[in-house]
Amino acid sequence: MSEESGGRWSVETDRVLRAAGWHPGRSVPTAEWERTLHEHGGFEIHEAARLFLAEFGGLASEERGPGRTMARMGFRLDPLAAEWDDEIFDVLSEEAGAYLYPVGEADRRNTYLGIAPDGRFYVGMDSVTLLAATGDEALEKLIEGIR
């Protein structure tokens, strides 16, 4: 675990996030994303999504290649990637058994990233899979290539 990140994740995850523009205490406004997604897709943000996006929204990584247990996938933490795909998120939410709010995309737009009100992270496009119990764990898995 990285000392600089307060032990939140690995040194590699810390390196990739910092290269993407993250730093401790980072906070970006989410109001414009919230407004646009509400107007265009009827999405209603919940607190877990707002907190995650305030800290990590707008970050992107193109790091790809071998990972620990699967290939590393690049990702873009931009909720507007799903701006017009509310029907896809309706299906993914139904499959997950929880309302998923879009927080970005991964694997060259082949999969969406969504967060449930309890902070669980899901990935999906045609079907949904639980990626991680928390946003921090989800970032680690995406960056490190962990299934």
C-alpha atoms as a PDB file:
ATOM      1  CA  MET A   1       0.000   0.000   0.000  1.00  0.00           C
ATOM      2  CA  SER A   2       1.143   3.493  -0.760  1.00  0.00           C
ATOM      3  CA  GLU A   3       2.065   5.670   2.232  1.00  0.00           C
ATOM      4  CA  GLU A   4       1.249   8.856   0.272  1.00  0.00           C
ATOM      5  CA  SER A   5      -2.308   7.716  -0.449  1.00  0.00           C
ATOM      6  CA  GLY A   6      -2.839   6.853   3.200  1.00  0.00           C
ATOM      7  CA  GLY A   7      -2.805   3.136   2.445  1.00  0.00           C
ATOM      8  CA  ARG A   8      -5.947   3.346   0.318  1.00  0.00           C
ATOM      9  CA  TRP A   9      -4.433   1.380  -2.570  1.00  0.00           C
ATOM     10  CA  SER A  10      -1.210   0.076  -4.059  1.00  0.00           C
ATOM     11  CA  VAL A  11       1.786   2.137  -5.150  1.00  0.00           C
ATOM     12  CA  GLU A  12       0.916   1.375  -8.802  1.00  0.00           C
ATOM     13  CA  THR A  13      -2.684   2.523  -8.403  1.00  0.00           C
ATOM     14  CA  ASP A  14      -1.470   5.675  -6.667  1.00  0.00           C
ATOM     15  CA  ARG A  15       1.000   6.329  -9.512  1.00  0.00           C
ATOM     16  CA  VAL A  16      -1.640   5.927 -12.242  1.00  0.00           C
ATOM     17  CA  LEU A  17      -4.216   8.073 -10.431  1.00  0.00           C
ATOM     18  CA  ARG A  18      -1.710  10.851  -9.758  1.00  0.00           C
ATOM     19  CA  ALA A  19      -0.602  10.769 -13.414  1.00  0.00           C
ATOM     20  CA  ALA A  20      -4.285  11.188 -14.335  1.00  0.00           C
ATOM     21  CA  GLY A  21      -4.576  14.260 -12.096  1.00  0.00           C
ATOM     22  CA  TRP A  22      -5.769  12.876  -8.758  1.00  0.00           C
ATOM     23  CA  HIS A  23      -4.301  14.174  -5.494  1.00  0.00           C
ATOM     24  CA  PRO A  24      -5.385  13.861  -1.853  1.00  0.00           C
ATOM     25  CA  GLY A  25      -8.214  16.275  -1.138  1.00  0.00           C
ATOM     26  CA  ARG A  26      -9.194  16.596  -4.816  1.00  0.00           C
ATOM     27  CA  SER A  27     -12.729  17.875  -5.263  1.00  0.00           C
ATOM     28  CA  VAL A  28     -14.438  18.830  -8.509  1.00  0.00           C
ATOM     29  CA  PRO A  29     -17.982  20.138  -8.974  1.00  0.00           C
ATOM     30  CA  THR A  30     -20.568  17.564 -10.047  1.00  0.00           C
ATOM     31  CA  ALA A  31     -23.580  19.840 -10.647  1.00  0.00           C
ATOM     32  CA  GLU A  32     -23.175  20.071 -14.434  1.00  0.00           C
ATOM     33  CA  TRP A  33     -22.897  16.275 -14.826  1.00  0.00           C
ATOM     34  CA  GLU A  34     -25.911  15.846 -12.557  1.00  0.00           C
ATOM     35  CA  ARG A  35     -27.990  18.382 -14.506  1.00  0.00           C
ATOM     36  CA  THR A  36     -27.086  16.974 -17.926  1.00  0.00           C
ATOM     37  CA  LEU A  37     -27.731  13.352 -16.959  1.00  0.00           C
ATOM     38  CA  HIS A  38     -31.011  14.262 -15.304  1.00  0.00           C
ATOM     39  CA  GLU A  39     -32.208  16.256 -18.330  1.00  0.00           C
ATOM     40  CA  HIS A  40     -31.094  13.765 -20.983  1.00  0.00           C
ATOM     41  CA  GLY A  41     -31.617  10.435 -19.280  1.00  0.00           C
ATOM     42  CA  GLY A  42     -33.672  11.028 -16.165  1.00  0.00           C
ATOM     43  CA  PHE A  43     -30.766   9.884 -13.989  1.00  0.00           C
ATOM     44  CA  GLU A  44     -31.095  10.761 -10.300  1.00  0.00           C
ATOM     45  CA  ILE A  45     -27.738  11.007  -8.542  1.00  0.00           C
ATOM     46  CA  HIS A  46     -27.272   9.454  -5.117  1.00  0.00           C
ATOM     47  CA  GLU A  47     -24.718  10.368  -2.464  1.00  0.00           C
ATOM     48  CA  ALA A  48     -22.280   7.513  -3.258  1.00  0.00           C
ATOM     49  CA  ALA A  49     -22.064   8.653  -6.891  1.00  0.00           C
ATOM     50  CA  ARG A  50     -21.720  12.319  -5.927  1.00  0.00           C
ATOM     51  CA  LEU A  51     -18.861  11.584  -3.497  1.00  0.00           C
ATOM     52  CA  PHE A  52     -17.024   9.338  -5.965  1.00  0.00           C
ATOM     53  CA  LEU A  53     -17.357  11.796  -8.850  1.00  0.00           C
ATOM     54  CA  ALA A  54     -16.324  14.762  -6.701  1.00  0.00           C
ATOM     55  CA  GLU A  55     -13.029  13.013  -5.976  1.00  0.00           C
ATOM     56  CA  PHE A  56     -12.378  11.088  -9.194  1.00  0.00           C
ATOM     57  CA  GLY A  57     -14.645  12.550 -11.907  1.00  0.00           C
ATOM     58  CA  GLY A  58     -12.813  13.616 -15.048  1.00  0.00           C
ATOM     59  CA  LEU A  59      -9.836  11.309 -14.536  1.00  0.00           C
ATOM     60  CA  ALA A  60      -8.791   8.926 -17.298  1.00  0.00           C
ATOM     61  CA  SER A  61      -6.116   6.305 -17.829  1.00  0.00           C
ATOM     62  CA  GLU A  62      -5.098   4.648 -21.065  1.00  0.00           C
ATOM     63  CA  GLU A  63      -2.839   2.158 -19.271  1.00  0.00           C
ATOM     64  CA  ARG A  64      -3.426  -1.229 -20.871  1.00  0.00           C
ATOM     65  CA  GLY A  65      -1.632  -4.533 -20.996  1.00  0.00           C
ATOM     66  CA  PRO A  66      -1.060  -7.509 -18.736  1.00  0.00           C
ATOM     67  CA  GLY A  67      -2.423  -7.268 -15.233  1.00  0.00           C
ATOM     68  CA  ARG A  68      -2.348  -9.517 -12.199  1.00  0.00           C
ATOM     69  CA  THR A  69      -5.281 -11.794 -13.074  1.00  0.00           C
ATOM     70  CA  MET A  70      -6.653 -10.163 -16.254  1.00  0.00           C
ATOM     71  CA  ALA A  71      -5.686  -7.473 -18.721  1.00  0.00           C
ATOM     72  CA  ARG A  72      -5.520  -3.907 -17.460  1.00  0.00           C
ATOM     73  CA  MET A  73      -8.282  -1.786 -18.943  1.00  0.00           C
ATOM     74  CA  GLY A  74      -8.085   1.878 -19.637  1.00  0.00           C
ATOM     75  CA  PHE A  75     -10.951   3.890 -18.199  1.00  0.00           C
ATOM     76  CA  ARG A  76     -12.524   7.344 -18.286  1.00  0.00           C
ATOM     77  CA  LEU A  77     -14.431   8.584 -15.236  1.00  0.00           C
ATOM     78  CA  ASP A  78     -16.897  10.748 -17.103  1.00  0.00           C
ATOM     79  CA  PRO A  79     -20.555  10.039 -16.306  1.00  0.00           C
ATOM     80  CA  LEU A  80     -21.616  11.724 -19.562  1.00  0.00           C
ATOM     81  CA  ALA A  81     -20.315   8.647 -21.404  1.00  0.00           C
ATOM     82  CA  ALA A  82     -23.786   7.223 -20.644  1.00  0.00           C
ATOM     83  CA  GLU A  83     -25.696  10.441 -21.313  1.00  0.00           C
ATOM     84  CA  TRP A  84     -28.081   8.882 -23.848  1.00  0.00           C
ATOM     85  CA  ASP A  85     -28.020   5.303 -22.533  1.00  0.00           C
ATOM     86  CA  ASP A  86     -30.559   5.445 -19.713  1.00  0.00           C
ATOM     87  CA  GLU A  87     -32.275   2.307 -21.092  1.00  0.00           C
ATOM     88  CA  ILE A  88     -29.020   0.350 -20.807  1.00  0.00           C
ATOM     89  CA  PHE A  89     -28.628   1.570 -17.222  1.00  0.00           C
ATOM     90  CA  ASP A  90     -32.234   0.596 -16.457  1.00  0.00           C
ATOM     91  CA  VAL A  91     -31.437  -2.989 -17.507  1.00  0.00           C
ATOM     92  CA  LEU A  92     -28.083  -3.041 -15.695  1.00  0.00           C
ATOM     93  CA  SER A  93     -29.739  -1.683 -12.535  1.00  0.00           C
ATOM     94  CA  GLU A  94     -32.454  -4.318 -12.711  1.00  0.00           C
ATOM     95  CA  GLU A  95     -29.860  -7.088 -13.095  1.00  0.00           C
ATOM     96  CA  ALA A  96     -27.768  -5.668 -10.229  1.00  0.00           C
ATOM     97  CA  GLY A  97     -30.789  -5.322  -7.975  1.00  0.00           C
ATOM     98  CA  ALA A  98     -29.774  -1.737  -7.209  1.00  0.00           C
ATOM     99  CA  TYR A  99     -30.042   1.650  -8.905  1.00  0.00           C
ATOM    100  CA  LEU A 100     -26.779   2.236 -10.763  1.00  0.00           C
ATOM    101  CA  TYR A 101     -25.628   5.757 -11.511  1.00  0.00           C
ATOM    102  CA  PRO A 102     -23.134   6.060 -14.388  1.00  0.00           C
ATOM    103  CA  VAL A 103     -19.651   7.195 -13.436  1.00  0.00           C
ATOM    104  CA  GLY A 104     -17.727   6.383 -16.610  1.00  0.00           C
ATOM    105  CA  GLU A 105     -16.605   3.782 -19.080  1.00  0.00           C
ATOM    106  CA  ALA A 106     -13.774   1.297 -19.460  1.00  0.00           C
ATOM    107  CA  ASP A 107     -12.135  -0.913 -22.050  1.00  0.00           C
ATOM    108  CA  ARG A 108     -12.389   1.592 -24.911  1.00  0.00           C
ATOM    109  CA  ARG A 109     -16.090   2.261 -24.341  1.00  0.00           C
ATOM    110  CA  ASN A 110     -16.953  -1.445 -24.363  1.00  0.00           C
ATOM    111  CA  THR A 111     -18.274  -1.367 -20.815  1.00  0.00           C
ATOM    112  CA  TYR A 112     -19.917   1.139 -18.500  1.00  0.00           C
ATOM    113  CA  LEU A 113     -19.010   1.781 -14.884  1.00  0.00           C
ATOM    114  CA  GLY A 114     -21.889   2.283 -12.468  1.00  0.00           C
ATOM    115  CA  ILE A 115     -22.142   2.785  -8.730  1.00  0.00           C
ATOM    116  CA  ALA A 116     -24.949   1.647  -6.429  1.00  0.00           C
ATOM    117  CA  PRO A 117     -26.210   3.728  -3.482  1.00  0.00           C
ATOM    118  CA  ASP A 118     -24.236   1.509  -1.067  1.00  0.00           C
ATOM    119  CA  GLY A 119     -20.996   2.212  -2.983  1.00  0.00           C
ATOM    120  CA  ARG A 120     -20.722  -1.126  -4.776  1.00  0.00           C
ATOM    121  CA  PHE A 121     -19.218  -0.799  -8.250  1.00  0.00           C
ATOM    122  CA  TYR A 122     -20.537  -2.610 -11.301  1.00  0.00           C
ATOM    123  CA  VAL A 123     -19.334  -2.989 -14.881  1.00  0.00           C
ATOM    124  CA  GLY A 124     -21.528  -3.858 -17.804  1.00  0.00           C
ATOM    125  CA  MET A 125     -23.017  -3.203 -21.183  1.00  0.00           C
ATOM    126  CA  ASP A 126     -25.098  -6.239 -22.197  1.00  0.00           C
ATOM    127  CA  SER A 127     -25.053  -7.717 -18.696  1.00  0.00           C
ATOM    128  CA  VAL A 128     -23.802  -6.504 -15.339  1.00  0.00           C
ATOM    129  CA  THR A 129     -21.027  -7.797 -13.080  1.00  0.00           C
ATOM    130  CA  LEU A 130     -20.093  -6.692  -9.583  1.00  0.00           C
ATOM    131  CA  LEU A 131     -16.578  -5.278  -9.866  1.00  0.00           C
ATOM    132  CA  ALA A 132     -15.898  -4.221  -6.282  1.00  0.00           C
ATOM    133  CA  ALA A 133     -17.456  -3.342  -2.939  1.00  0.00           C
ATOM    134  CA  THR A 134     -16.035   0.208  -2.997  1.00  0.00           C
ATOM    135  CA  GLY A 135     -14.820   2.852  -5.438  1.00  0.00           C
ATOM    136  CA  ASP A 136     -11.248   2.552  -4.149  1.00  0.00           C
ATOM    137  CA  GLU A 137     -11.280  -1.206  -4.735  1.00  0.00           C
ATOM    138  CA  ALA A 138     -12.798  -0.718  -8.208  1.00  0.00           C
ATOM    139  CA  LEU A 139     -10.032   1.691  -9.206  1.00  0.00           C
ATOM    140  CA  GLU A 140      -7.407  -0.723  -7.933  1.00  0.00           C
ATOM    141  CA  LYS A 141      -8.921  -3.583  -9.929  1.00  0.00           C
ATOM    142  CA  LEU A 142      -9.157  -1.548 -13.139  1.00  0.00           C
ATOM    143  CA  ILE A 143      -5.624  -0.217 -12.819  1.00  0.00           C
ATOM    144  CA  GLU A 144      -3.953  -3.402 -11.603  1.00  0.00           C
ATOM    145  CA  GLY A 145      -5.898  -5.792 -13.831  1.00  0.00           C
ATOM    146  CA  ILE A 146      -7.595  -7.839 -11.110  1.00  0.00           C
ATOM    147  CA  ARG A 147     -10.726  -9.883 -11.751  1.00  0.00           C
END
